[in-house]
C-alpha cells in the first residue's frame, strides 16, 4: 500500500510523480487523434480553427506529459497507453 503523500520523502514523491504521466486535456487528445490520422500541424490548425503555433504548443505539452522527445515516440506511447483509437 503506498504511503500518504505527506509522509513520503521528496525523492519518493518525485519518483511516484515520474511514474504516472499527467492526463491529456480533451484538446490534446483531439490533436493526438488528428496526428495519428496523418495530418500535419497546418492541417490540424486549419481543421480546428487555431494557429499552427497553438498546435505546436499542444504537441510539445503532450510530449512533455508522456515523457517522449518526438512524434513517433508520442504515437507509440499513446498506443501503449490506449490514448488513441486505432481504426
PDB file of N, CA and C in Angstrom:
ATOM      1  N   UNK A   1       0.847  -1.179   0.000  1.00  0.00           N
ATOM      2  CA  UNK A   1       0.000   0.000   0.000  1.00  0.00           C
ATOM      3  C   UNK A   1       0.893   1.243   0.000  1.00  0.00           C
ATOM      4  N   UNK A   2       0.648   2.191  -0.923  1.00  0.00           N
ATOM      5  CA  UNK A   2       1.504   3.380  -0.980  1.00  0.00           C
ATOM      6  C   UNK A   2       1.336   4.257   0.244  1.00  0.00           C
ATOM      7  N   UNK A   3       2.421   4.945   0.584  1.00  0.00           N
ATOM      8  CA  UNK A   3       2.385   5.864   1.712  1.00  0.00           C
ATOM      9  C   UNK A   3       1.614   7.120   1.342  1.00  0.00           C
ATOM     10  N   UNK A   4       0.959   7.746   2.319  1.00  0.00           N
ATOM     11  CA  UNK A   4       0.333   9.039   2.024  1.00  0.00           C
ATOM     12  C   UNK A   4       1.405  10.026   1.581  1.00  0.00           C
ATOM     13  N   UNK A   5       1.044  10.924   0.710  1.00  0.00           N
ATOM     14  CA  UNK A   5       1.993  11.873   0.142  1.00  0.00           C
ATOM     15  C   UNK A   5       2.739  12.641   1.231  1.00  0.00           C
ATOM     16  N   UNK A   6       2.083  13.027   2.299  1.00  0.00           N
ATOM     17  CA  UNK A   6       2.717  13.829   3.354  1.00  0.00           C
ATOM     18  C   UNK A   6       3.858  13.087   4.032  1.00  0.00           C
ATOM     19  N   UNK A   7       3.783  11.762   4.136  1.00  0.00           N
ATOM     20  CA  UNK A   7       4.833  11.003   4.820  1.00  0.00           C
ATOM     21  C   UNK A   7       5.912  10.508   3.871  1.00  0.00           C
ATOM     22  N   UNK A   8       5.763  10.727   2.593  1.00  0.00           N
ATOM     23  CA  UNK A   8       6.769  10.297   1.627  1.00  0.00           C
ATOM     24  C   UNK A   8       7.930  11.284   1.596  1.00  0.00           C
ATOM     25  N   UNK A   9       9.107  10.762   1.330  1.00  0.00           N
ATOM     26  CA  UNK A   9      10.263  11.639   1.171  1.00  0.00           C
ATOM     27  C   UNK A   9      10.125  12.395  -0.151  1.00  0.00           C
ATOM     28  N   UNK A  10      10.873  13.463  -0.268  1.00  0.00           N
ATOM     29  CA  UNK A  10      10.835  14.252  -1.511  1.00  0.00           C
ATOM     30  C   UNK A  10      11.231  13.373  -2.693  1.00  0.00           C
ATOM     31  N   UNK A  11      12.243  12.556  -2.517  1.00  0.00           N
ATOM     32  CA  UNK A  11      12.702  11.657  -3.584  1.00  0.00           C
ATOM     33  C   UNK A  11      11.590  10.692  -4.005  1.00  0.00           C
ATOM     34  N   UNK A  12      10.911  10.097  -3.010  1.00  0.00           N
ATOM     35  CA  UNK A  12       9.824   9.157  -3.321  1.00  0.00           C
ATOM     36  C   UNK A  12       8.664   9.851  -4.033  1.00  0.00           C
ATOM     37  N   UNK A  13       8.356  11.090  -3.616  1.00  0.00           N
ATOM     38  CA  UNK A  13       7.291  11.834  -4.296  1.00  0.00           C
ATOM     39  C   UNK A  13       7.662  12.080  -5.744  1.00  0.00           C
ATOM     40  N   UNK A  14       8.928  12.442  -6.005  1.00  0.00           N
ATOM     41  CA  UNK A  14       9.378  12.684  -7.380  1.00  0.00           C
ATOM     42  C   UNK A  14       9.313  11.406  -8.202  1.00  0.00           C
ATOM     43  N   UNK A  15       9.742  10.291  -7.617  1.00  0.00           N
ATOM     44  CA  UNK A  15       9.690   9.021  -8.340  1.00  0.00           C
ATOM     45  C   UNK A  15       8.259   8.626  -8.650  1.00  0.00           C
ATOM     46  N   UNK A  16       7.357   8.813  -7.684  1.00  0.00           N
ATOM     47  CA  UNK A  16       5.948   8.495  -7.900  1.00  0.00           C
ATOM     48  C   UNK A  16       5.373   9.376  -8.999  1.00  0.00           C
ATOM     49  N   UNK A  17       5.718  10.652  -8.956  1.00  0.00           N
ATOM     50  CA  UNK A  17       5.213  11.578  -9.966  1.00  0.00           C
ATOM     51  C   UNK A  17       5.709  11.186 -11.356  1.00  0.00           C
ATOM     52  N   UNK A  18       6.964  10.769 -11.456  1.00  0.00           N
ATOM     53  CA  UNK A  18       7.530  10.400 -12.761  1.00  0.00           C
ATOM     54  C   UNK A  18       6.877   9.154 -13.333  1.00  0.00           C
ATOM     55  N   UNK A  19       6.399   8.273 -12.476  1.00  0.00           N
ATOM     56  CA  UNK A  19       5.806   7.024 -12.957  1.00  0.00           C
ATOM     57  C   UNK A  19       4.463   7.254 -13.635  1.00  0.00           C
ATOM     58  N   UNK A  20       3.755   8.263 -13.212  1.00  0.00           N
ATOM     59  CA  UNK A  20       2.410   8.498 -13.737  1.00  0.00           C
ATOM     60  C   UNK A  20       2.387   9.766 -14.571  1.00  0.00           C
ATOM     61  N   UNK A  21       2.289   9.622 -15.905  1.00  0.00           N
ATOM     62  CA  UNK A  21       2.208  10.850 -16.700  1.00  0.00           C
ATOM     63  C   UNK A  21       0.901  11.577 -16.436  1.00  0.00           C
ATOM     64  N   UNK A  22       0.951  12.881 -16.594  1.00  0.00           N
ATOM     65  CA  UNK A  22      -0.262  13.671 -16.435  1.00  0.00           C
ATOM     66  C   UNK A  22      -1.264  13.264 -17.516  1.00  0.00           C
ATOM     67  N   UNK A  23      -2.527  13.444 -17.222  1.00  0.00           N
ATOM     68  CA  UNK A  23      -3.534  13.129 -18.231  1.00  0.00           C
ATOM     69  C   UNK A  23      -3.567  14.233 -19.276  1.00  0.00           C
ATOM     70  N   UNK A  24      -3.933  13.854 -20.477  1.00  0.00           N
ATOM     71  CA  UNK A  24      -4.038  14.818 -21.564  1.00  0.00           C
ATOM     72  C   UNK A  24      -5.385  15.521 -21.494  1.00  0.00           C
ATOM     73  N   UNK A  25      -5.390  16.782 -21.888  1.00  0.00           N
ATOM     74  CA  UNK A  25      -6.647  17.525 -21.951  1.00  0.00           C
ATOM     75  C   UNK A  25      -7.470  16.999 -23.122  1.00  0.00           C
ATOM     76  N   UNK A  26      -8.737  17.383 -23.157  1.00  0.00           N
ATOM     77  CA  UNK A  26      -9.586  16.974 -24.285  1.00  0.00           C
ATOM     78  C   UNK A  26      -9.016  17.475 -25.603  1.00  0.00           C
ATOM     79  N   UNK A  27      -8.526  18.712 -25.620  1.00  0.00           N
ATOM     80  CA  UNK A  27      -7.961  19.288 -26.842  1.00  0.00           C
ATOM     81  C   UNK A  27      -6.703  18.527 -27.264  1.00  0.00           C
ATOM     82  N   UNK A  28      -5.866  18.186 -26.280  1.00  0.00           N
ATOM     83  CA  UNK A  28      -4.663  17.414 -26.603  1.00  0.00           C
ATOM     84  C   UNK A  28      -5.035  16.048 -27.160  1.00  0.00           C
ATOM     85  N   UNK A  29      -6.043  15.417 -26.592  1.00  0.00           N
ATOM     86  CA  UNK A  29      -6.500  14.122 -27.096  1.00  0.00           C
ATOM     87  C   UNK A  29      -7.010  14.255 -28.528  1.00  0.00           C
ATOM     88  N   UNK A  30      -7.735  15.338 -28.785  1.00  0.00           N
ATOM     89  CA  UNK A  30      -8.257  15.594 -30.132  1.00  0.00           C
ATOM     90  C   UNK A  30      -7.099  15.775 -31.119  1.00  0.00           C
ATOM     91  N   UNK A  31      -6.103  16.553 -30.737  1.00  0.00           N
ATOM     92  CA  UNK A  31      -4.950  16.788 -31.606  1.00  0.00           C
ATOM     93  C   UNK A  31      -4.149  15.504 -31.792  1.00  0.00           C
ATOM     94  N   UNK A  32      -4.000  14.725 -30.729  1.00  0.00           N
ATOM     95  CA  UNK A  32      -3.292  13.455 -30.825  1.00  0.00           C
ATOM     96  C   UNK A  32      -3.968  12.542 -31.835  1.00  0.00           C
ATOM     97  N   UNK A  33      -5.289  12.488 -31.821  1.00  0.00           N
ATOM     98  CA  UNK A  33      -6.029  11.661 -32.774  1.00  0.00           C
ATOM     99  C   UNK A  33      -5.801  12.153 -34.203  1.00  0.00           C
ATOM    100  N   UNK A  34      -5.745  13.466 -34.389  1.00  0.00           N
ATOM    101  CA  UNK A  34      -5.502  14.024 -35.721  1.00  0.00           C
ATOM    102  C   UNK A  34      -4.067  13.756 -36.183  1.00  0.00           C
ATOM    103  N   UNK A  35      -3.115  13.783 -35.262  1.00  0.00           N
ATOM    104  CA  UNK A  35      -1.738  13.413 -35.605  1.00  0.00           C
ATOM    105  C   UNK A  35      -1.714  11.961 -36.055  1.00  0.00           C
ATOM    106  N   UNK A  36      -2.409  11.105 -35.306  1.00  0.00           N
ATOM    107  CA  UNK A  36      -2.499   9.685 -35.657  1.00  0.00           C
ATOM    108  C   UNK A  36      -3.116   9.512 -37.047  1.00  0.00           C
ATOM    109  N   UNK A  37      -4.054  10.377 -37.397  1.00  0.00           N
ATOM    110  CA  UNK A  37      -4.703  10.307 -38.709  1.00  0.00           C
ATOM    111  C   UNK A  37      -3.778  10.744 -39.840  1.00  0.00           C
ATOM    112  N   UNK A  38      -2.618  11.277 -39.482  1.00  0.00           N
ATOM    113  CA  UNK A  38      -1.643  11.653 -40.502  1.00  0.00           C
ATOM    114  C   UNK A  38      -1.650  13.116 -40.894  1.00  0.00           C
ATOM    115  N   UNK A  39      -2.414  13.931 -40.168  1.00  0.00           N
ATOM    116  CA  UNK A  39      -2.469  15.346 -40.516  1.00  0.00           C
ATOM    117  C   UNK A  39      -1.228  16.081 -40.026  1.00  0.00           C
ATOM    118  N   UNK A  40      -0.811  17.063 -40.787  1.00  0.00           N
ATOM    119  CA  UNK A  40       0.304  17.920 -40.400  1.00  0.00           C
ATOM    120  C   UNK A  40      -0.218  19.047 -39.521  1.00  0.00           C
ATOM    121  N   UNK A  41       0.711  19.741 -38.853  1.00  0.00           N
ATOM    122  CA  UNK A  41       0.314  20.816 -37.940  1.00  0.00           C
ATOM    123  C   UNK A  41      -0.580  21.846 -38.617  1.00  0.00           C
ATOM    124  N   UNK A  42      -0.235  22.247 -39.831  1.00  0.00           N
ATOM    125  CA  UNK A  42      -1.033  23.244 -40.566  1.00  0.00           C
ATOM    126  C   UNK A  42      -2.442  22.724 -40.829  1.00  0.00           C
ATOM    127  N   UNK A  43      -2.550  21.465 -41.206  1.00  0.00           N
ATOM    128  CA  UNK A  43      -3.862  20.869 -41.478  1.00  0.00           C
ATOM    129  C   UNK A  43      -4.700  20.772 -40.197  1.00  0.00           C
ATOM    130  N   UNK A  44      -4.038  20.426 -39.089  1.00  0.00           N
ATOM    131  CA  UNK A  44      -4.742  20.360 -37.804  1.00  0.00           C
ATOM    132  C   UNK A  44      -5.222  21.751 -37.410  1.00  0.00           C
ATOM    133  N   UNK A  45      -4.343  22.738 -37.563  1.00  0.00           N
ATOM    134  CA  UNK A  45      -4.699  24.120 -37.226  1.00  0.00           C
ATOM    135  C   UNK A  45      -5.897  24.589 -38.048  1.00  0.00           C
ATOM    136  N   UNK A  46      -5.878  24.314 -39.342  1.00  0.00           N
ATOM    137  CA  UNK A  46      -6.990  24.717 -40.209  1.00  0.00           C
ATOM    138  C   UNK A  46      -8.293  24.030 -39.797  1.00  0.00           C
ATOM    139  N   UNK A  47      -8.215  22.746 -39.515  1.00  0.00           N
ATOM    140  CA  UNK A  47      -9.414  21.986 -39.151  1.00  0.00           C
ATOM    141  C   UNK A  47     -10.013  22.472 -37.834  1.00  0.00           C
ATOM    142  N   UNK A  48      -9.143  22.798 -36.857  1.00  0.00           N
ATOM    143  CA  UNK A  48      -9.621  23.205 -35.536  1.00  0.00           C
ATOM    144  C   UNK A  48      -9.786  24.716 -35.388  1.00  0.00           C
ATOM    145  N   UNK A  49      -9.413  25.434 -36.449  1.00  0.00           N
ATOM    146  CA  UNK A  49      -9.500  26.901 -36.450  1.00  0.00           C
ATOM    147  C   UNK A  49      -8.675  27.514 -35.312  1.00  0.00           C
ATOM    148  N   UNK A  50      -7.440  27.020 -35.202  1.00  0.00           N
ATOM    149  CA  UNK A  50      -6.471  27.552 -34.260  1.00  0.00           C
ATOM    150  C   UNK A  50      -5.172  27.802 -35.018  1.00  0.00           C
ATOM    151  N   UNK A  51      -4.224  28.462 -34.386  1.00  0.00           N
ATOM    152  CA  UNK A  51      -2.960  28.744 -35.075  1.00  0.00           C
ATOM    153  C   UNK A  51      -2.044  27.517 -35.060  1.00  0.00           C
ATOM    154  N   UNK A  52      -1.117  27.503 -36.005  1.00  0.00           N
ATOM    155  CA  UNK A  52      -0.121  26.433 -36.066  1.00  0.00           C
ATOM    156  C   UNK A  52       0.707  26.441 -34.777  1.00  0.00           C
ATOM    157  N   UNK A  53       1.016  27.630 -34.269  1.00  0.00           N
ATOM    158  CA  UNK A  53       1.786  27.736 -33.022  1.00  0.00           C
ATOM    159  C   UNK A  53       1.044  27.072 -31.853  1.00  0.00           C
ATOM    160  N   UNK A  54      -0.270  27.188 -31.835  1.00  0.00           N
ATOM    161  CA  UNK A  54      -1.064  26.554 -30.781  1.00  0.00           C
ATOM    162  C   UNK A  54      -0.996  25.033 -30.910  1.00  0.00           C
ATOM    163  N   UNK A  55      -1.071  24.542 -32.133  1.00  0.00           N
ATOM    164  CA  UNK A  55      -0.933  23.092 -32.358  1.00  0.00           C
ATOM    165  C   UNK A  55       0.443  22.630 -31.882  1.00  0.00           C
ATOM    166  N   UNK A  56       1.474  23.388 -32.249  1.00  0.00           N
ATOM    167  CA  UNK A  56       2.839  23.041 -31.840  1.00  0.00           C
ATOM    168  C   UNK A  56       2.975  23.039 -30.318  1.00  0.00           C
ATOM    169  N   UNK A  57       2.333  23.990 -29.661  1.00  0.00           N
ATOM    170  CA  UNK A  57       2.379  24.062 -28.196  1.00  0.00           C
ATOM    171  C   UNK A  57       1.688  22.848 -27.573  1.00  0.00           C
ATOM    172  N   UNK A  58       0.539  22.469 -28.123  1.00  0.00           N
ATOM    173  CA  UNK A  58      -0.168  21.285 -27.620  1.00  0.00           C
ATOM    174  C   UNK A  58       0.688  20.036 -27.808  1.00  0.00           C
ATOM    175  N   UNK A  59       1.307  19.925 -28.976  1.00  0.00           N
ATOM    176  CA  UNK A  59       2.156  18.763 -29.254  1.00  0.00           C
ATOM    177  C   UNK A  59       3.322  18.714 -28.254  1.00  0.00           C
ATOM    178  N   UNK A  60       3.956  19.850 -28.015  1.00  0.00           N
ATOM    179  CA  UNK A  60       5.074  19.915 -27.067  1.00  0.00           C
ATOM    180  C   UNK A  60       4.611  19.551 -25.653  1.00  0.00           C
ATOM    181  N   UNK A  61       3.440  20.046 -25.261  1.00  0.00           N
ATOM    182  CA  UNK A  61       2.900  19.719 -23.936  1.00  0.00           C
ATOM    183  C   UNK A  61       2.620  18.221 -23.807  1.00  0.00           C
ATOM    184  N   UNK A  62       2.073  17.638 -24.861  1.00  0.00           N
ATOM    185  CA  UNK A  62       1.795  16.198 -24.831  1.00  0.00           C
ATOM    186  C   UNK A  62       3.090  15.404 -24.698  1.00  0.00           C
ATOM    187  N   UNK A  63       4.105  15.784 -25.456  1.00  0.00           N
ATOM    188  CA  UNK A  63       5.372  15.061 -25.401  1.00  0.00           C
ATOM    189  C   UNK A  63       6.005  15.186 -24.020  1.00  0.00           C
ATOM    190  N   UNK A  64       5.863  16.341 -23.408  1.00  0.00           N
ATOM    191  CA  UNK A  64       6.393  16.539 -22.057  1.00  0.00           C
ATOM    192  C   UNK A  64       5.635  15.666 -21.060  1.00  0.00           C
ATOM    193  N   UNK A  65       4.314  15.651 -21.158  1.00  0.00           N
ATOM    194  CA  UNK A  65       3.497  14.857 -20.242  1.00  0.00           C
ATOM    195  C   UNK A  65       3.784  13.362 -20.371  1.00  0.00           C
ATOM    196  N   UNK A  66       3.962  12.900 -21.606  1.00  0.00           N
ATOM    197  CA  UNK A  66       4.168  11.475 -21.852  1.00  0.00           C
ATOM    198  C   UNK A  66       5.649  11.111 -21.729  1.00  0.00           C
ATOM    199  N   UNK A  67       6.493  12.135 -21.625  1.00  0.00           N
ATOM    200  CA  UNK A  67       7.939  11.979 -21.453  1.00  0.00           C
ATOM    201  C   UNK A  67       8.603  11.321 -22.655  1.00  0.00           C
ATOM    202  N   UNK A  68       8.349  11.907 -23.821  1.00  0.00           N
ATOM    203  CA  UNK A  68       8.985  11.462 -25.058  1.00  0.00           C
ATOM    204  C   UNK A  68       9.574  12.677 -25.763  1.00  0.00           C
ATOM    205  N   UNK A  69      10.393  12.419 -26.802  1.00  0.00           N
ATOM    206  CA  UNK A  69      11.072  13.540 -27.451  1.00  0.00           C
ATOM    207  C   UNK A  69      10.730  13.737 -28.921  1.00  0.00           C
ATOM    208  N   UNK A  70       9.858  12.893 -29.484  1.00  0.00           N
ATOM    209  CA  UNK A  70       9.449  13.118 -30.871  1.00  0.00           C
ATOM    210  C   UNK A  70       8.059  12.529 -31.116  1.00  0.00           C
ATOM    211  N   UNK A  71       7.515  12.853 -32.283  1.00  0.00           N
ATOM    212  CA  UNK A  71       6.134  12.455 -32.596  1.00  0.00           C
ATOM    213  C   UNK A  71       5.972  10.944 -32.697  1.00  0.00           C
ATOM    214  N   UNK A  72       6.987  10.253 -33.220  1.00  0.00           N
ATOM    215  CA  UNK A  72       6.897   8.793 -33.333  1.00  0.00           C
ATOM    216  C   UNK A  72       6.791   8.158 -31.949  1.00  0.00           C
ATOM    217  N   UNK A  73       7.609   8.632 -31.014  1.00  0.00           N
ATOM    218  CA  UNK A  73       7.543   8.126 -29.647  1.00  0.00           C
ATOM    219  C   UNK A  73       6.217   8.486 -28.992  1.00  0.00           C
ATOM    220  N   UNK A  74       5.699   9.661 -29.301  1.00  0.00           N
ATOM    221  CA  UNK A  74       4.407  10.087 -28.765  1.00  0.00           C
ATOM    222  C   UNK A  74       3.308   9.135 -29.210  1.00  0.00           C
ATOM    223  N   UNK A  75       3.284   8.816 -30.492  1.00  0.00           N
ATOM    224  CA  UNK A  75       2.262   7.911 -31.002  1.00  0.00           C
ATOM    225  C   UNK A  75       2.431   6.505 -30.433  1.00  0.00           C
ATOM    226  N   UNK A  76       3.668   6.053 -30.330  1.00  0.00           N
ATOM    227  CA  UNK A  76       3.933   4.737 -29.758  1.00  0.00           C
ATOM    228  C   UNK A  76       3.428   4.670 -28.319  1.00  0.00           C
ATOM    229  N   UNK A  77       3.752   5.674 -27.520  1.00  0.00           N
ATOM    230  CA  UNK A  77       3.289   5.721 -26.133  1.00  0.00           C
ATOM    231  C   UNK A  77       1.770   5.806 -26.066  1.00  0.00           C
ATOM    232  N   UNK A  78       1.178   6.577 -26.967  1.00  0.00           N
ATOM    233  CA  UNK A  78      -0.278   6.728 -26.987  1.00  0.00           C
ATOM    234  C   UNK A  78      -0.967   5.399 -27.284  1.00  0.00           C
ATOM    235  N   UNK A  79      -0.396   4.615 -28.180  1.00  0.00           N
ATOM    236  CA  UNK A  79      -0.952   3.294 -28.489  1.00  0.00           C
ATOM    237  C   UNK A  79      -0.839   2.391 -27.270  1.00  0.00           C
ATOM    238  N   UNK A  80       0.341   2.369 -26.661  1.00  0.00           N
ATOM    239  CA  UNK A  80       0.571   1.502 -25.497  1.00  0.00           C
ATOM    240  C   UNK A  80      -0.322   1.867 -24.322  1.00  0.00           C
ATOM    241  N   UNK A  81      -0.603   3.152 -24.157  1.00  0.00           N
ATOM    242  CA  UNK A  81      -1.420   3.616 -23.035  1.00  0.00           C
ATOM    243  C   UNK A  81      -2.907   3.671 -23.374  1.00  0.00           C
ATOM    244  N   UNK A  82      -3.267   3.357 -24.616  1.00  0.00           N
ATOM    245  CA  UNK A  82      -4.668   3.396 -25.012  1.00  0.00           C
ATOM    246  C   UNK A  82      -5.223   4.798 -25.123  1.00  0.00           C
ATOM    247  N   UNK A  83      -4.354   5.770 -25.444  1.00  0.00           N
ATOM    248  CA  UNK A  83      -4.782   7.165 -25.524  1.00  0.00           C
ATOM    249  C   UNK A  83      -5.411   7.521 -26.863  1.00  0.00           C
ATOM    250  N   UNK A  84      -5.197   6.694 -27.874  1.00  0.00           N
ATOM    251  CA  UNK A  84      -5.802   6.969 -29.186  1.00  0.00           C
ATOM    252  C   UNK A  84      -6.605   5.751 -29.633  1.00  0.00           C
ATOM    253  N   UNK A  85      -7.572   6.029 -30.476  1.00  0.00           N
ATOM    254  CA  UNK A  85      -8.397   4.964 -31.028  1.00  0.00           C
ATOM    255  C   UNK A  85      -7.827   4.552 -32.367  1.00  0.00           C
ATOM    256  N   UNK A  86      -7.456   3.284 -32.480  1.00  0.00           N
ATOM    257  CA  UNK A  86      -6.923   2.767 -33.735  1.00  0.00           C
ATOM    258  C   UNK A  86      -8.088   2.217 -34.532  1.00  0.00           C
ATOM    259  N   UNK A  87      -8.280   2.772 -35.716  1.00  0.00           N
ATOM    260  CA  UNK A  87      -9.436   2.336 -36.541  1.00  0.00           C
ATOM    261  C   UNK A  87      -8.995   1.504 -37.690  1.00  0.00           C
TER     262      UNK A  87
END
